[in-house]
Amino acid sequence: MHSYSSLKKGIQKEYTRLDEEMIQLNEEVEVSIADILPSSANMGTFLHKLLEEINFSEFDVNFHTLANSNIDWNSILDKNILKFDIETEIKSIQNGKSIIHQMIYNTIHTKLELIDQSNVSLRDIEESNMAKEMDFSMLIEESEIKGALGNFLKGSIDLVFSKNGKYYIADYKSDKLFSY
């Protein structure tokens, strides 16, 4: 049995950078490339965990309100900062928690174009129509993965959701990309 991550270990990862231009998060928080979260597997797993634990519909509020609201968000954020042992990294970034708030907010509010040409954001999808971190096992042929010892690929899908009678798979990415 193999996981996608274990199969990928032998592949050299290309580390990328963000464009050098300033990124405007909102009217009050402006960050440069030096303020962006550090790129690491631990940080990516941390961001995935936040998306797994929060209720997307709770982010249907203004960013400024959200950051100071009574929503479980702050306790989820603080708990996971401790769990992933990234307090030092977050504190070393000016407005670190605000940047994370904004990243999650933007992720949940970004419109995604579906196969039927309609648009939906994650906050628009009812919790009953989604499954987060859905585990799967898939039978594979030995020839499909060079050197594979088992016949199954095991993994977890970040998000599966249903909209307009169709099912969709979302795979969160937190890598820094040159051209995106």
N, C-alpha and C. Protein backbone atom coordinates (compact mmCIF):
# COMPACT_ATOMS: atom_id res chain seq x y z
N MET A 1 0.85 -1.17 0.00
CA MET A 1 0.00 0.00 0.00
C MET A 1 0.90 1.24 0.00
N HIS A 2 0.57 2.23 -0.80
CA HIS A 2 1.35 3.44 -0.93
C HIS A 2 0.46 4.66 -0.77
N SER A 3 1.03 5.71 -0.27
CA SER A 3 0.33 7.00 -0.29
C SER A 3 0.93 7.81 -1.41
N TYR A 4 0.18 8.79 -1.89
CA TYR A 4 0.69 9.67 -2.94
C TYR A 4 1.98 10.35 -2.47
N SER A 5 1.98 10.80 -1.22
CA SER A 5 3.16 11.50 -0.69
C SER A 5 4.38 10.60 -0.68
N SER A 6 4.20 9.32 -0.31
CA SER A 6 5.35 8.43 -0.26
C SER A 6 5.88 8.14 -1.66
N LEU A 7 5.01 8.09 -2.64
CA LEU A 7 5.45 7.87 -4.02
C LEU A 7 6.16 9.10 -4.56
N LYS A 8 5.75 10.27 -4.10
CA LYS A 8 6.30 11.53 -4.61
C LYS A 8 7.67 11.85 -4.01
N LYS A 9 8.03 11.22 -2.89
CA LYS A 9 9.28 11.55 -2.19
C LYS A 9 10.50 11.50 -3.09
N GLY A 10 10.52 10.59 -4.04
CA GLY A 10 11.67 10.46 -4.92
C GLY A 10 11.75 11.54 -5.98
N ILE A 11 10.70 12.31 -6.13
CA ILE A 11 10.66 13.36 -7.15
C ILE A 11 11.20 14.65 -6.55
N GLN A 12 12.11 15.29 -7.26
CA GLN A 12 12.68 16.55 -6.78
C GLN A 12 11.62 17.64 -6.89
N LYS A 13 11.36 18.34 -5.79
CA LYS A 13 10.37 19.41 -5.76
C LYS A 13 11.00 20.72 -6.19
N GLU A 14 10.30 21.44 -7.05
CA GLU A 14 10.78 22.74 -7.50
C GLU A 14 10.19 23.80 -6.57
N TYR A 15 11.04 24.51 -5.88
CA TYR A 15 10.58 25.58 -5.01
C TYR A 15 10.47 26.85 -5.83
N THR A 16 9.41 27.57 -5.60
CA THR A 16 9.13 28.74 -6.42
C THR A 16 9.01 29.97 -5.56
N ARG A 17 8.86 31.14 -6.19
CA ARG A 17 8.70 32.39 -5.46
C ARG A 17 7.44 33.10 -5.94
N LEU A 18 6.94 33.99 -5.14
CA LEU A 18 5.81 34.81 -5.55
C LEU A 18 6.32 35.99 -6.35
N ASP A 19 5.45 36.59 -7.11
CA ASP A 19 5.85 37.80 -7.83
C ASP A 19 6.33 38.82 -6.82
N GLU A 20 7.27 39.66 -7.21
CA GLU A 20 7.87 40.63 -6.31
C GLU A 20 6.95 41.81 -5.98
N GLU A 21 5.85 41.92 -6.69
CA GLU A 21 4.96 43.06 -6.44
C GLU A 21 4.26 42.94 -5.09
N MET A 22 3.80 44.03 -4.58
CA MET A 22 3.10 44.05 -3.30
C MET A 22 1.75 43.35 -3.45
N ILE A 23 1.33 42.70 -2.40
CA ILE A 23 0.03 42.02 -2.39
C ILE A 23 -0.88 42.79 -1.45
N GLN A 24 -2.00 43.20 -1.95
CA GLN A 24 -2.95 43.96 -1.13
C GLN A 24 -3.96 42.98 -0.54
N LEU A 25 -3.90 42.74 0.77
CA LEU A 25 -4.84 41.83 1.41
C LEU A 25 -6.19 42.51 1.65
N ASN A 26 -6.16 43.70 2.17
CA ASN A 26 -7.35 44.51 2.33
C ASN A 26 -6.89 45.94 2.54
N GLU A 27 -7.80 46.84 2.84
CA GLU A 27 -7.39 48.25 2.95
C GLU A 27 -6.38 48.49 4.06
N GLU A 28 -6.37 47.66 5.09
CA GLU A 28 -5.51 47.91 6.25
C GLU A 28 -4.23 47.09 6.26
N VAL A 29 -4.24 45.90 5.68
CA VAL A 29 -3.09 45.01 5.77
C VAL A 29 -2.45 44.88 4.39
N GLU A 30 -1.24 45.41 4.25
CA GLU A 30 -0.50 45.31 3.01
C GLU A 30 0.79 44.57 3.32
N VAL A 31 1.10 43.54 2.52
CA VAL A 31 2.30 42.76 2.80
C VAL A 31 3.19 42.68 1.57
N SER A 32 4.47 42.51 1.81
CA SER A 32 5.41 42.28 0.72
C SER A 32 5.80 40.82 0.76
N ILE A 33 6.62 40.41 -0.20
CA ILE A 33 7.03 39.01 -0.26
C ILE A 33 7.73 38.56 1.03
N ALA A 34 8.39 39.46 1.72
CA ALA A 34 9.09 39.11 2.96
C ALA A 34 8.11 38.74 4.08
N ASP A 35 6.85 39.15 3.95
CA ASP A 35 5.87 38.88 4.99
C ASP A 35 5.06 37.61 4.76
N ILE A 36 5.22 36.96 3.62
CA ILE A 36 4.43 35.78 3.30
C ILE A 36 4.85 34.62 4.21
N LEU A 37 3.89 33.73 4.48
CA LEU A 37 4.17 32.57 5.32
C LEU A 37 5.30 31.74 4.74
N PRO A 38 6.11 31.15 5.61
CA PRO A 38 7.21 30.30 5.13
C PRO A 38 6.67 29.10 4.36
N SER A 39 7.39 28.68 3.35
CA SER A 39 6.99 27.53 2.54
C SER A 39 7.58 26.27 3.16
N SER A 40 6.70 25.38 3.61
CA SER A 40 7.15 24.10 4.16
C SER A 40 5.98 23.13 4.16
N ALA A 41 6.30 21.85 4.25
CA ALA A 41 5.24 20.84 4.32
C ALA A 41 4.40 21.06 5.58
N ASN A 42 5.06 21.45 6.69
CA ASN A 42 4.35 21.68 7.94
C ASN A 42 3.35 22.83 7.80
N MET A 43 3.74 23.92 7.14
CA MET A 43 2.84 25.06 6.96
C MET A 43 1.67 24.66 6.05
N GLY A 44 1.95 23.89 5.00
CA GLY A 44 0.89 23.42 4.11
C GLY A 44 -0.11 22.54 4.85
N THR A 45 0.39 21.64 5.70
CA THR A 45 -0.48 20.77 6.48
C THR A 45 -1.31 21.59 7.47
N PHE A 46 -0.70 22.60 8.05
CA PHE A 46 -1.40 23.52 8.97
C PHE A 46 -2.57 24.20 8.25
N LEU A 47 -2.33 24.74 7.06
CA LEU A 47 -3.39 25.42 6.30
C LEU A 47 -4.50 24.44 5.92
N HIS A 48 -4.12 23.23 5.51
CA HIS A 48 -5.11 22.19 5.19
C HIS A 48 -5.97 21.88 6.41
N LYS A 49 -5.33 21.78 7.57
CA LYS A 49 -6.07 21.45 8.80
C LYS A 49 -7.09 22.54 9.13
N LEU A 50 -6.71 23.81 8.94
CA LEU A 50 -7.66 24.90 9.17
C LEU A 50 -8.88 24.74 8.27
N LEU A 51 -8.65 24.46 6.99
CA LEU A 51 -9.75 24.30 6.05
C LEU A 51 -10.61 23.08 6.39
N GLU A 52 -9.99 22.08 6.98
CA GLU A 52 -10.74 20.88 7.39
C GLU A 52 -11.65 21.18 8.58
N GLU A 53 -11.19 21.98 9.52
CA GLU A 53 -11.90 22.17 10.78
C GLU A 53 -12.96 23.27 10.78
N ILE A 54 -12.85 24.22 9.87
CA ILE A 54 -13.79 25.34 9.93
C ILE A 54 -15.06 25.06 9.13
N ASN A 55 -16.11 25.77 9.50
CA ASN A 55 -17.36 25.72 8.78
C ASN A 55 -17.32 26.87 7.77
N PHE A 56 -17.30 26.55 6.49
CA PHE A 56 -17.14 27.57 5.46
C PHE A 56 -18.22 28.65 5.51
N SER A 57 -19.43 28.28 5.88
CA SER A 57 -20.52 29.27 5.89
C SER A 57 -20.29 30.35 6.94
N GLU A 58 -19.47 30.08 7.95
CA GLU A 58 -19.18 31.09 8.96
C GLU A 58 -18.30 32.21 8.41
N PHE A 59 -17.74 32.00 7.25
CA PHE A 59 -16.88 33.02 6.65
C PHE A 59 -17.66 33.91 5.69
N ASP A 60 -18.96 33.89 5.79
CA ASP A 60 -19.81 34.75 4.97
C ASP A 60 -20.02 36.08 5.69
N VAL A 61 -18.91 36.62 6.18
CA VAL A 61 -18.93 37.91 6.89
C VAL A 61 -17.73 38.73 6.44
N ASN A 62 -17.76 40.00 6.74
CA ASN A 62 -16.65 40.89 6.39
C ASN A 62 -15.39 40.46 7.12
N PHE A 63 -14.24 40.55 6.46
CA PHE A 63 -12.97 40.12 7.05
C PHE A 63 -12.70 40.80 8.38
N HIS A 64 -12.92 42.10 8.47
CA HIS A 64 -12.63 42.83 9.71
C HIS A 64 -13.49 42.32 10.86
N THR A 65 -14.74 41.99 10.56
CA THR A 65 -15.64 41.45 11.58
C THR A 65 -15.19 40.06 12.00
N LEU A 66 -14.83 39.25 11.01
CA LEU A 66 -14.43 37.87 11.27
C LEU A 66 -13.26 37.79 12.23
N ALA A 67 -12.25 38.59 11.99
CA ALA A 67 -11.03 38.52 12.81
C ALA A 67 -11.31 38.81 14.27
N ASN A 68 -12.35 39.57 14.56
CA ASN A 68 -12.67 39.93 15.94
C ASN A 68 -13.98 39.31 16.42
N SER A 69 -14.48 38.32 15.71
CA SER A 69 -15.78 37.75 16.05
C SER A 69 -15.66 36.68 17.13
N ASN A 70 -16.79 36.18 17.54
CA ASN A 70 -16.83 35.10 18.53
C ASN A 70 -16.85 33.73 17.88
N ILE A 71 -16.74 33.69 16.55
CA ILE A 71 -16.72 32.41 15.85
C ILE A 71 -15.54 31.59 16.37
N ASP A 72 -15.68 30.31 16.35
CA ASP A 72 -14.63 29.39 16.80
C ASP A 72 -13.31 29.59 16.09
N TRP A 73 -13.29 30.44 15.07
CA TRP A 73 -12.10 30.61 14.23
C TRP A 73 -10.84 30.86 15.04
N ASN A 74 -10.89 31.82 15.97
CA ASN A 74 -9.68 32.15 16.73
C ASN A 74 -9.19 30.98 17.57
N SER A 75 -10.10 30.21 18.15
CA SER A 75 -9.66 29.06 18.93
C SER A 75 -9.11 27.96 18.02
N ILE A 76 -9.71 27.78 16.84
CA ILE A 76 -9.19 26.80 15.88
C ILE A 76 -7.80 27.22 15.42
N LEU A 77 -7.64 28.50 15.12
CA LEU A 77 -6.36 29.02 14.66
C LEU A 77 -5.29 28.84 15.74
N ASP A 78 -5.57 29.29 16.95
CA ASP A 78 -4.59 29.20 18.05
C ASP A 78 -4.23 27.75 18.37
N LYS A 79 -5.24 26.88 18.41
CA LYS A 79 -5.00 25.46 18.70
C LYS A 79 -4.06 24.85 17.67
N ASN A 80 -4.27 25.16 16.40
CA ASN A 80 -3.44 24.57 15.34
C ASN A 80 -2.07 25.21 15.24
N ILE A 81 -1.95 26.46 15.59
CA ILE A 81 -0.62 27.08 15.65
C ILE A 81 0.23 26.34 16.68
N LEU A 82 -0.36 26.01 17.82
CA LEU A 82 0.35 25.24 18.85
C LEU A 82 0.62 23.81 18.38
N LYS A 83 -0.41 23.17 17.82
CA LYS A 83 -0.29 21.78 17.38
C LYS A 83 0.83 21.60 16.36
N PHE A 84 0.95 22.54 15.42
CA PHE A 84 1.95 22.43 14.38
C PHE A 84 3.26 23.12 14.74
N ASP A 85 3.32 23.63 15.98
CA ASP A 85 4.55 24.23 16.51
C ASP A 85 5.10 25.32 15.59
N ILE A 86 4.21 26.26 15.21
CA ILE A 86 4.62 27.33 14.30
C ILE A 86 4.44 28.71 14.93
N GLU A 87 4.38 28.77 16.25
CA GLU A 87 4.23 30.06 16.93
C GLU A 87 5.33 31.04 16.54
N THR A 88 6.56 30.57 16.52
CA THR A 88 7.69 31.44 16.21
C THR A 88 7.57 32.01 14.80
N GLU A 89 7.21 31.14 13.83
CA GLU A 89 7.07 31.60 12.45
C GLU A 89 5.97 32.65 12.32
N ILE A 90 4.83 32.39 12.95
CA ILE A 90 3.68 33.30 12.85
C ILE A 90 4.01 34.64 13.52
N LYS A 91 4.66 34.59 14.69
CA LYS A 91 5.01 35.82 15.39
C LYS A 91 6.07 36.63 14.64
N SER A 92 6.90 35.94 13.86
CA SER A 92 7.97 36.65 13.14
C SER A 92 7.47 37.39 11.91
N ILE A 93 6.23 37.13 11.53
CA ILE A 93 5.64 37.77 10.34
C ILE A 93 4.72 38.88 10.81
N GLN A 94 4.96 40.08 10.30
CA GLN A 94 4.09 41.20 10.65
C GLN A 94 2.67 40.86 10.22
N ASN A 95 1.71 40.99 11.11
CA ASN A 95 0.31 40.67 10.84
C ASN A 95 0.10 39.21 10.46
N GLY A 96 0.89 38.30 11.03
CA GLY A 96 0.84 36.88 10.68
C GLY A 96 -0.54 36.27 10.76
N LYS A 97 -1.23 36.48 11.88
CA LYS A 97 -2.57 35.90 12.03
C LYS A 97 -3.55 36.55 11.06
N SER A 98 -3.42 37.84 10.82
CA SER A 98 -4.29 38.52 9.86
C SER A 98 -4.08 37.99 8.45
N ILE A 99 -2.83 37.68 8.11
CA ILE A 99 -2.54 37.12 6.79
C ILE A 99 -3.21 35.75 6.65
N ILE A 100 -3.12 34.94 7.70
CA ILE A 100 -3.77 33.62 7.65
C ILE A 100 -5.28 33.79 7.53
N HIS A 101 -5.86 34.70 8.34
CA HIS A 101 -7.30 34.98 8.23
C HIS A 101 -7.66 35.31 6.79
N GLN A 102 -6.88 36.21 6.20
CA GLN A 102 -7.19 36.67 4.85
C GLN A 102 -7.03 35.56 3.82
N MET A 103 -6.00 34.73 3.97
CA MET A 103 -5.79 33.62 3.03
C MET A 103 -6.98 32.66 3.06
N ILE A 104 -7.42 32.31 4.26
CA ILE A 104 -8.55 31.39 4.39
C ILE A 104 -9.82 32.04 3.86
N TYR A 105 -10.03 33.30 4.22
CA TYR A 105 -11.20 34.05 3.74
C TYR A 105 -11.21 34.07 2.21
N ASN A 106 -10.07 34.40 1.59
CA ASN A 106 -9.99 34.46 0.14
C ASN A 106 -10.25 33.10 -0.49
N THR A 107 -9.70 32.05 0.10
CA THR A 107 -9.91 30.70 -0.41
C THR A 107 -11.38 30.34 -0.41
N ILE A 108 -12.06 30.65 0.67
CA ILE A 108 -13.47 30.28 0.82
C ILE A 108 -14.38 31.15 -0.05
N HIS A 109 -13.98 32.38 -0.33
CA HIS A 109 -14.83 33.29 -1.10
C HIS A 109 -14.52 33.33 -2.60
N THR A 110 -13.42 32.74 -3.03
CA THR A 110 -13.08 32.75 -4.46
C THR A 110 -14.11 31.95 -5.25
N LYS A 111 -14.58 32.53 -6.32
CA LYS A 111 -15.54 31.85 -7.19
C LYS A 111 -14.81 30.82 -8.05
N LEU A 112 -15.35 29.61 -8.07
CA LEU A 112 -14.82 28.52 -8.88
C LEU A 112 -15.77 28.26 -10.03
N GLU A 113 -15.24 28.14 -11.24
CA GLU A 113 -16.11 27.85 -12.38
C GLU A 113 -16.31 26.35 -12.48
N LEU A 114 -17.56 25.93 -12.51
CA LEU A 114 -17.89 24.52 -12.58
C LEU A 114 -18.07 24.09 -14.04
N ILE A 115 -18.18 22.79 -14.24
CA ILE A 115 -18.28 22.23 -15.59
C ILE A 115 -19.48 22.76 -16.35
N ASP A 116 -20.55 23.12 -15.64
CA ASP A 116 -21.76 23.64 -16.31
C ASP A 116 -21.69 25.16 -16.51
N GLN A 117 -20.52 25.73 -16.35
CA GLN A 117 -20.25 27.16 -16.52
C GLN A 117 -20.80 28.04 -15.40
N SER A 118 -21.41 27.45 -14.38
CA SER A 118 -21.86 28.23 -13.22
C SER A 118 -20.67 28.47 -12.30
N ASN A 119 -20.81 29.39 -11.37
CA ASN A 119 -19.75 29.71 -10.42
C ASN A 119 -20.24 29.45 -9.00
N VAL A 120 -19.33 29.00 -8.17
CA VAL A 120 -19.66 28.76 -6.77
C VAL A 120 -18.42 29.02 -5.93
N SER A 121 -18.62 29.52 -4.74
CA SER A 121 -17.52 29.62 -3.78
C SER A 121 -17.74 28.55 -2.72
N LEU A 122 -16.70 28.19 -2.02
CA LEU A 122 -16.84 27.15 -0.99
C LEU A 122 -17.85 27.54 0.07
N ARG A 123 -17.96 28.84 0.38
CA ARG A 123 -18.92 29.27 1.40
C ARG A 123 -20.36 29.06 0.97
N ASP A 124 -20.59 28.94 -0.36
CA ASP A 124 -21.95 28.75 -0.88
C ASP A 124 -22.41 27.30 -0.84
N ILE A 125 -21.51 26.39 -0.55
CA ILE A 125 -21.85 24.97 -0.56
C ILE A 125 -22.29 24.56 0.84
N GLU A 126 -23.46 23.94 0.92
CA GLU A 126 -23.96 23.51 2.22
C GLU A 126 -23.09 22.39 2.77
N GLU A 127 -22.88 22.41 4.08
CA GLU A 127 -22.05 21.38 4.73
C GLU A 127 -22.54 19.98 4.41
N SER A 128 -23.85 19.81 4.25
CA SER A 128 -24.41 18.48 3.96
C SER A 128 -24.06 18.00 2.55
N ASN A 129 -23.55 18.90 1.71
CA ASN A 129 -23.17 18.54 0.34
C ASN A 129 -21.66 18.47 0.16
N MET A 130 -20.93 18.30 1.26
CA MET A 130 -19.47 18.21 1.14
C MET A 130 -18.90 17.19 2.12
N ALA A 131 -17.77 16.64 1.73
CA ALA A 131 -17.00 15.75 2.60
C ALA A 131 -15.56 16.26 2.60
N LYS A 132 -15.05 16.58 3.78
CA LYS A 132 -13.67 17.06 3.90
C LYS A 132 -12.76 15.90 4.28
N GLU A 133 -11.56 15.90 3.70
CA GLU A 133 -10.54 14.88 4.00
C GLU A 133 -11.11 13.47 3.86
N MET A 134 -11.67 13.19 2.70
CA MET A 134 -12.27 11.88 2.43
C MET A 134 -11.17 10.89 2.05
N ASP A 135 -11.04 9.83 2.86
CA ASP A 135 -10.03 8.81 2.60
C ASP A 135 -10.45 7.94 1.41
N PHE A 136 -9.47 7.43 0.69
CA PHE A 136 -9.75 6.52 -0.42
C PHE A 136 -8.62 5.52 -0.56
N SER A 137 -8.95 4.41 -1.18
CA SER A 137 -7.97 3.41 -1.61
C SER A 137 -8.32 3.09 -3.05
N MET A 138 -7.30 2.98 -3.89
CA MET A 138 -7.54 2.75 -5.31
C MET A 138 -6.63 1.63 -5.78
N LEU A 139 -7.22 0.65 -6.44
CA LEU A 139 -6.45 -0.44 -7.01
C LEU A 139 -5.66 0.10 -8.20
N ILE A 140 -4.38 -0.23 -8.23
CA ILE A 140 -3.53 0.20 -9.34
C ILE A 140 -2.82 -1.00 -9.93
N GLU A 141 -2.43 -0.88 -11.16
CA GLU A 141 -1.63 -1.91 -11.80
C GLU A 141 -0.17 -1.60 -11.51
N GLU A 142 0.64 -2.63 -11.34
CA GLU A 142 2.07 -2.43 -11.05
C GLU A 142 2.74 -1.57 -12.11
N SER A 143 2.33 -1.71 -13.34
CA SER A 143 2.97 -0.96 -14.42
C SER A 143 2.66 0.54 -14.35
N GLU A 144 1.61 0.94 -13.64
CA GLU A 144 1.23 2.35 -13.55
C GLU A 144 2.23 3.16 -12.72
N ILE A 145 2.84 2.53 -11.72
CA ILE A 145 3.80 3.23 -10.87
C ILE A 145 5.06 2.39 -10.82
N LYS A 146 6.08 2.88 -11.43
CA LYS A 146 7.34 2.15 -11.53
C LYS A 146 7.88 1.84 -10.13
N GLY A 147 8.16 0.60 -9.89
CA GLY A 147 8.75 0.20 -8.62
C GLY A 147 7.76 0.04 -7.48
N ALA A 148 6.47 0.19 -7.74
CA ALA A 148 5.47 0.05 -6.67
C ALA A 148 5.43 -1.40 -6.19
N LEU A 149 5.42 -1.57 -4.88
CA LEU A 149 5.41 -2.92 -4.32
C LEU A 149 4.01 -3.43 -4.06
N GLY A 150 3.06 -2.55 -3.85
CA GLY A 150 1.69 -2.96 -3.55
C GLY A 150 0.78 -2.69 -4.72
N ASN A 151 -0.47 -3.06 -4.56
CA ASN A 151 -1.44 -2.88 -5.63
C ASN A 151 -2.46 -1.79 -5.31
N PHE A 152 -2.28 -1.07 -4.20
CA PHE A 152 -3.24 -0.05 -3.82
C PHE A 152 -2.56 1.29 -3.59
N LEU A 153 -3.26 2.34 -3.97
CA LEU A 153 -2.85 3.70 -3.67
C LEU A 153 -3.82 4.19 -2.61
N LYS A 154 -3.28 4.68 -1.51
CA LYS A 154 -4.10 5.15 -0.39
C LYS A 154 -3.89 6.65 -0.25
N GLY A 155 -4.95 7.38 -0.01
CA GLY A 155 -4.81 8.81 0.15
C GLY A 155 -6.03 9.45 0.77
N SER A 156 -6.03 10.76 0.72
CA SER A 156 -7.12 11.55 1.28
C SER A 156 -7.41 12.70 0.32
N ILE A 157 -8.67 12.88 -0.01
CA ILE A 157 -9.09 13.96 -0.90
C ILE A 157 -9.46 15.15 -0.02
N ASP A 158 -8.89 16.32 -0.30
CA ASP A 158 -9.12 17.50 0.53
C ASP A 158 -10.60 17.83 0.66
N LEU A 159 -11.31 17.86 -0.46
CA LEU A 159 -12.73 18.22 -0.42
C LEU A 159 -13.45 17.60 -1.60
N VAL A 160 -14.57 16.94 -1.31
CA VAL A 160 -15.49 16.47 -2.34
C VAL A 160 -16.80 17.19 -2.08
N PHE A 161 -17.37 17.80 -3.13
CA PHE A 161 -18.65 18.46 -2.93
C PHE A 161 -19.57 18.22 -4.11
N SER A 162 -20.85 18.42 -3.85
CA SER A 162 -21.87 18.22 -4.86
C SER A 162 -22.56 19.56 -5.12
N LYS A 163 -22.75 19.86 -6.40
CA LYS A 163 -23.44 21.10 -6.79
C LYS A 163 -24.14 20.84 -8.11
N ASN A 164 -25.40 21.21 -8.20
CA ASN A 164 -26.19 21.07 -9.43
C ASN A 164 -26.16 19.64 -9.97
N GLY A 165 -26.23 18.66 -9.05
CA GLY A 165 -26.30 17.26 -9.46
C GLY A 165 -24.99 16.64 -9.90
N LYS A 166 -23.89 17.33 -9.73
CA LYS A 166 -22.58 16.78 -10.11
C LYS A 166 -21.65 16.81 -8.90
N TYR A 167 -20.66 15.93 -8.91
CA TYR A 167 -19.67 15.87 -7.84
C TYR A 167 -18.36 16.48 -8.32
N TYR A 168 -17.69 17.18 -7.40
CA TYR A 168 -16.42 17.84 -7.70
C TYR A 168 -15.39 17.49 -6.64
N ILE A 169 -14.13 17.47 -7.04
CA ILE A 169 -13.01 17.20 -6.14
C ILE A 169 -12.15 18.45 -6.08
N ALA A 170 -11.86 18.91 -4.87
CA ALA A 170 -10.97 20.06 -4.69
C ALA A 170 -9.70 19.58 -4.01
N ASP A 171 -8.57 20.02 -4.52
CA ASP A 171 -7.26 19.66 -3.98
C ASP A 171 -6.56 20.96 -3.62
N TYR A 172 -6.47 21.26 -2.33
CA TYR A 172 -5.86 22.51 -1.89
C TYR A 172 -4.36 22.51 -2.16
N LYS A 173 -3.84 23.64 -2.59
CA LYS A 173 -2.41 23.80 -2.81
C LYS A 173 -1.95 25.06 -2.09
N SER A 174 -0.82 24.96 -1.42
CA SER A 174 -0.27 26.13 -0.72
C SER A 174 1.15 26.43 -1.20
N ASP A 175 1.59 25.73 -2.24
CA ASP A 175 2.93 25.99 -2.80
C ASP A 175 2.99 27.39 -3.39
N LYS A 176 4.16 27.96 -3.39
CA LYS A 176 4.39 29.25 -4.04
C LYS A 176 4.73 28.97 -5.50
N LEU A 177 4.05 29.62 -6.42
CA LEU A 177 4.25 29.37 -7.84
C LEU A 177 4.77 30.62 -8.55
N PHE A 178 5.70 30.42 -9.48
CA PHE A 178 6.26 31.55 -10.23
C PHE A 178 5.20 32.26 -11.05
N SER A 179 4.43 31.53 -11.82
CA SER A 179 3.59 32.13 -12.84
C SER A 179 2.12 32.20 -12.45
N TYR A 180 1.83 32.14 -11.15
CA TYR A 180 0.42 32.13 -10.77
C TYR A 180 0.12 33.22 -9.80
